[in-house]
Amino acid sequence: MFALITETICYLLFFFLVLKILKSGKSDEIVSFILPVMLFYFFIEFMSVNNQKYVFSDEFSIFIFNVPLSILVLWVVLLYFCFSLTEWIARHYSLSLPIYKLSALDSVFAVLISILLEPIPVKLGLWRFLSNPIYFGIPVWNFIGKFLSVGLFSLGYRGFKNIRFKKRIILTYLYIFLILVARFIAYKFV
């Protein structure tokens, strides 16, 4: 039951996010942001589940190779919120920050949100970590991994954001592919 409620909330947030993107006239972000986020985090979640870092509850309705679709949708919402918050702060305070500082802020916001919210689904049994749970059933490596993965994705996305659309799509997918290969190699040898 909790999975159904969680999935419904995730899909509603995603629906409103897509509406916001379409309403703002930035429909290219559906291809240049949403799809890369889903691909990047699908691979990370897939590797983590298959390397027995954590398991998801069977209550989720749609799985793609042991990864709930709603989790990928949640990653899109989380990153879009973090990116928007970072850009709002930079704009509001007239800060001209380099990409690496914007990416670091994106990572900090993602980890802070995770620290606040992730204990809830863990307590409800929607997912369970299989090693060294320290903070409400969540291991420290989860937060470190979140910081690094959001930072890497943010660096790539923000770095390619100002390139013409078609080139940006190709470079974004190439960047994601290279990171995924590096992540796969790291999982095999670590």
Protein backbone atom coordinates (compact mmCIF):
# COMPACT_ATOMS: atom_id res chain seq x y z
CA MET A 1 0.00 0.00 0.00
CA PHE A 2 2.81 2.44 0.85
CA ALA A 3 4.47 1.70 -2.48
CA LEU A 4 1.27 2.61 -4.33
CA ILE A 5 1.00 5.90 -2.45
CA THR A 6 4.69 6.64 -3.04
CA GLU A 7 4.43 5.82 -6.74
CA THR A 8 1.33 7.96 -7.14
CA ILE A 9 3.10 10.93 -5.54
CA CYS A 10 6.19 10.37 -7.73
CA TYR A 11 4.16 10.21 -10.94
CA LEU A 12 2.10 13.28 -9.97
CA LEU A 13 5.26 15.28 -9.23
CA PHE A 14 6.71 14.14 -12.56
CA PHE A 15 3.50 15.07 -14.41
CA PHE A 16 3.56 18.58 -12.93
CA LEU A 17 7.26 18.89 -13.71
CA VAL A 18 6.66 18.01 -17.37
CA LEU A 19 3.75 20.49 -17.49
CA LYS A 20 6.03 23.19 -16.04
CA ILE A 21 8.70 22.43 -18.63
CA LEU A 22 6.18 22.54 -21.48
CA LYS A 23 4.54 25.71 -20.14
CA SER A 24 7.91 27.47 -19.88
CA GLY A 25 8.59 26.76 -23.56
CA LYS A 26 11.64 24.59 -22.82
CA SER A 27 10.32 21.38 -24.36
CA ASP A 28 13.87 20.42 -25.41
CA GLU A 29 14.55 19.74 -21.70
CA ILE A 30 12.33 16.67 -21.93
CA VAL A 31 14.94 15.09 -24.19
CA SER A 32 18.06 16.86 -22.94
CA PHE A 33 17.36 16.57 -19.19
CA ILE A 34 14.72 13.96 -18.33
CA LEU A 35 15.99 11.12 -20.53
CA PRO A 36 19.66 11.50 -19.52
CA VAL A 37 18.70 11.60 -15.82
CA MET A 38 16.61 8.46 -16.18
CA LEU A 39 19.35 6.62 -18.10
CA PHE A 40 22.13 7.71 -15.76
CA TYR A 41 20.25 6.78 -12.59
CA PHE A 42 18.80 3.61 -14.07
CA PHE A 43 22.32 2.33 -14.51
CA ILE A 44 23.35 3.40 -11.00
CA GLU A 45 20.26 1.82 -9.42
CA PHE A 46 20.63 -1.30 -11.56
CA MET A 47 24.27 -1.76 -10.56
CA SER A 48 23.51 -1.12 -6.89
CA VAL A 49 20.63 -3.59 -6.76
CA ASN A 50 22.50 -6.25 -8.71
CA ASN A 51 25.62 -5.80 -6.58
CA GLN A 52 23.48 -6.34 -3.50
CA LYS A 53 23.83 -2.86 -2.00
CA TYR A 54 20.07 -2.63 -1.37
CA VAL A 55 16.76 -4.16 -2.40
CA PHE A 56 13.45 -2.63 -3.36
CA SER A 57 10.11 -3.88 -2.07
CA ASP A 58 8.06 -6.10 -4.36
CA GLU A 59 5.14 -3.75 -3.77
CA PHE A 60 6.26 -1.35 -6.50
CA SER A 61 4.14 -1.82 -9.61
CA ILE A 62 6.50 -1.29 -12.56
CA PHE A 63 10.07 -2.62 -12.54
CA ILE A 64 12.72 -2.30 -15.22
CA PHE A 65 15.36 -4.94 -14.46
CA ASN A 66 14.71 -4.83 -10.69
CA VAL A 67 14.55 -1.01 -10.60
CA PRO A 68 11.15 0.60 -9.95
CA LEU A 69 10.19 3.12 -12.63
CA SER A 70 8.92 5.46 -9.91
CA ILE A 71 12.45 5.65 -8.44
CA LEU A 72 13.79 6.89 -11.78
CA VAL A 73 10.97 9.43 -11.95
CA LEU A 74 11.83 10.52 -8.42
CA TRP A 75 15.45 11.09 -9.47
CA VAL A 76 14.24 13.39 -12.26
CA VAL A 77 12.11 15.39 -9.83
CA LEU A 78 14.90 15.56 -7.23
CA LEU A 79 17.54 16.74 -9.69
CA TYR A 80 15.24 19.24 -11.37
CA PHE A 81 14.35 20.68 -7.97
CA CYS A 82 18.01 20.86 -6.90
CA PHE A 83 19.08 22.44 -10.20
CA SER A 84 16.24 24.96 -10.02
CA LEU A 85 17.02 25.84 -6.40
CA THR A 86 20.70 26.34 -7.18
CA GLU A 87 19.91 28.54 -10.17
CA TRP A 88 17.36 30.53 -8.16
CA ILE A 89 19.89 31.19 -5.38
CA ALA A 90 22.55 32.23 -7.90
CA ARG A 91 20.09 34.53 -9.68
CA HIS A 92 18.50 35.91 -6.49
CA TYR A 93 21.84 36.82 -4.93
CA SER A 94 23.41 37.89 -8.24
CA LEU A 95 26.10 35.25 -7.96
CA SER A 96 28.15 34.35 -10.98
CA LEU A 97 29.27 30.89 -9.94
CA PRO A 98 31.39 28.55 -12.06
CA ILE A 99 29.85 25.24 -13.08
CA TYR A 100 31.74 23.21 -10.47
CA LYS A 101 30.33 25.36 -7.63
CA LEU A 102 26.80 25.08 -9.03
CA SER A 103 27.28 21.31 -9.25
CA ALA A 104 28.53 21.18 -5.66
CA LEU A 105 25.43 23.08 -4.52
CA ASP A 106 23.22 20.68 -6.49
CA SER A 107 24.91 17.79 -4.68
CA VAL A 108 24.56 19.39 -1.25
CA PHE A 109 20.85 20.03 -1.79
CA ALA A 110 20.28 16.45 -3.01
CA VAL A 111 22.04 15.01 0.04
CA LEU A 112 20.18 17.31 2.44
CA ILE A 113 16.84 16.29 0.94
CA SER A 114 17.91 12.67 1.11
CA ILE A 115 18.94 12.98 4.77
CA LEU A 116 15.54 14.44 5.58
CA LEU A 117 13.29 12.22 3.47
CA GLU A 118 14.99 8.88 2.80
CA PRO A 119 14.44 7.47 6.32
CA ILE A 120 10.68 7.47 5.61
CA PRO A 121 10.62 4.91 2.75
CA VAL A 122 13.27 2.86 4.54
CA LYS A 123 11.09 2.78 7.68
CA LEU A 124 8.06 1.86 5.54
CA GLY A 125 10.02 -1.01 3.97
CA LEU A 126 10.01 0.33 0.42
CA TRP A 127 13.73 -0.35 0.19
CA ARG A 128 16.31 -1.84 2.47
CA PHE A 129 20.06 -1.41 2.58
CA LEU A 130 22.04 -4.60 2.99
CA SER A 131 25.22 -3.25 4.57
CA ASN A 132 26.19 -1.00 7.49
CA PRO A 133 22.96 0.91 8.10
CA ILE A 134 23.96 3.78 10.41
CA TYR A 135 21.46 6.61 9.96
CA PHE A 136 17.86 5.35 10.29
CA GLY A 137 18.77 2.19 8.37
CA ILE A 138 20.80 4.04 5.74
CA PRO A 139 24.58 3.59 5.33
CA VAL A 140 26.86 6.60 4.95
CA TRP A 141 28.02 5.39 1.52
CA ASN A 142 24.51 6.11 0.21
CA PHE A 143 24.90 9.82 0.94
CA ILE A 144 28.45 9.91 -0.40
CA GLY A 145 27.31 8.14 -3.57
CA LYS A 146 24.41 10.54 -3.94
CA PHE A 147 26.73 13.54 -3.55
CA LEU A 148 29.17 12.20 -6.14
CA SER A 149 26.58 11.00 -8.66
CA VAL A 150 24.57 14.24 -8.55
CA GLY A 151 27.81 16.22 -8.82
CA LEU A 152 29.00 14.23 -11.83
CA PHE A 153 25.67 14.44 -13.59
CA SER A 154 25.38 18.15 -12.82
CA LEU A 155 28.87 18.89 -14.15
CA GLY A 156 28.07 17.10 -17.40
CA TYR A 157 24.62 18.57 -17.81
CA ARG A 158 25.58 22.13 -16.93
CA GLY A 159 28.72 21.86 -19.04
CA PHE A 160 26.72 20.90 -22.11
CA LYS A 161 23.77 23.19 -21.44
CA ASN A 162 25.07 26.10 -23.51
CA ILE A 163 25.95 24.05 -26.57
CA ARG A 164 23.52 23.98 -29.47
CA PHE A 165 20.65 21.56 -28.90
CA LYS A 166 21.57 18.71 -31.27
CA LYS A 167 25.22 18.73 -30.28
CA ARG A 168 24.20 18.95 -26.63
CA ILE A 169 22.04 15.82 -26.93
CA ILE A 170 24.85 13.83 -28.52
CA LEU A 171 27.46 15.07 -26.03
CA THR A 172 25.16 14.52 -23.05
CA TYR A 173 24.50 10.91 -24.02
CA LEU A 174 28.21 10.37 -24.71
CA TYR A 175 29.08 11.84 -21.31
CA ILE A 176 26.52 9.60 -19.59
CA PHE A 177 27.83 6.57 -21.45
CA LEU A 178 31.40 7.31 -20.34
CA ILE A 179 30.34 7.77 -16.73
CA LEU A 180 28.31 4.58 -16.83
CA VAL A 181 31.27 2.65 -18.21
CA ALA A 182 33.49 4.10 -15.46
CA ARG A 183 30.89 3.22 -12.85
CA PHE A 184 30.61 -0.32 -14.21
CA ILE A 185 34.39 -0.75 -14.12
CA ALA A 186 34.47 0.60 -10.56
CA TYR A 187 31.81 -1.93 -9.47
CA LYS A 188 33.70 -4.80 -11.08
CA PHE A 189 37.03 -4.02 -9.43
CA VAL A 190 35.99 -2.55 -6.07
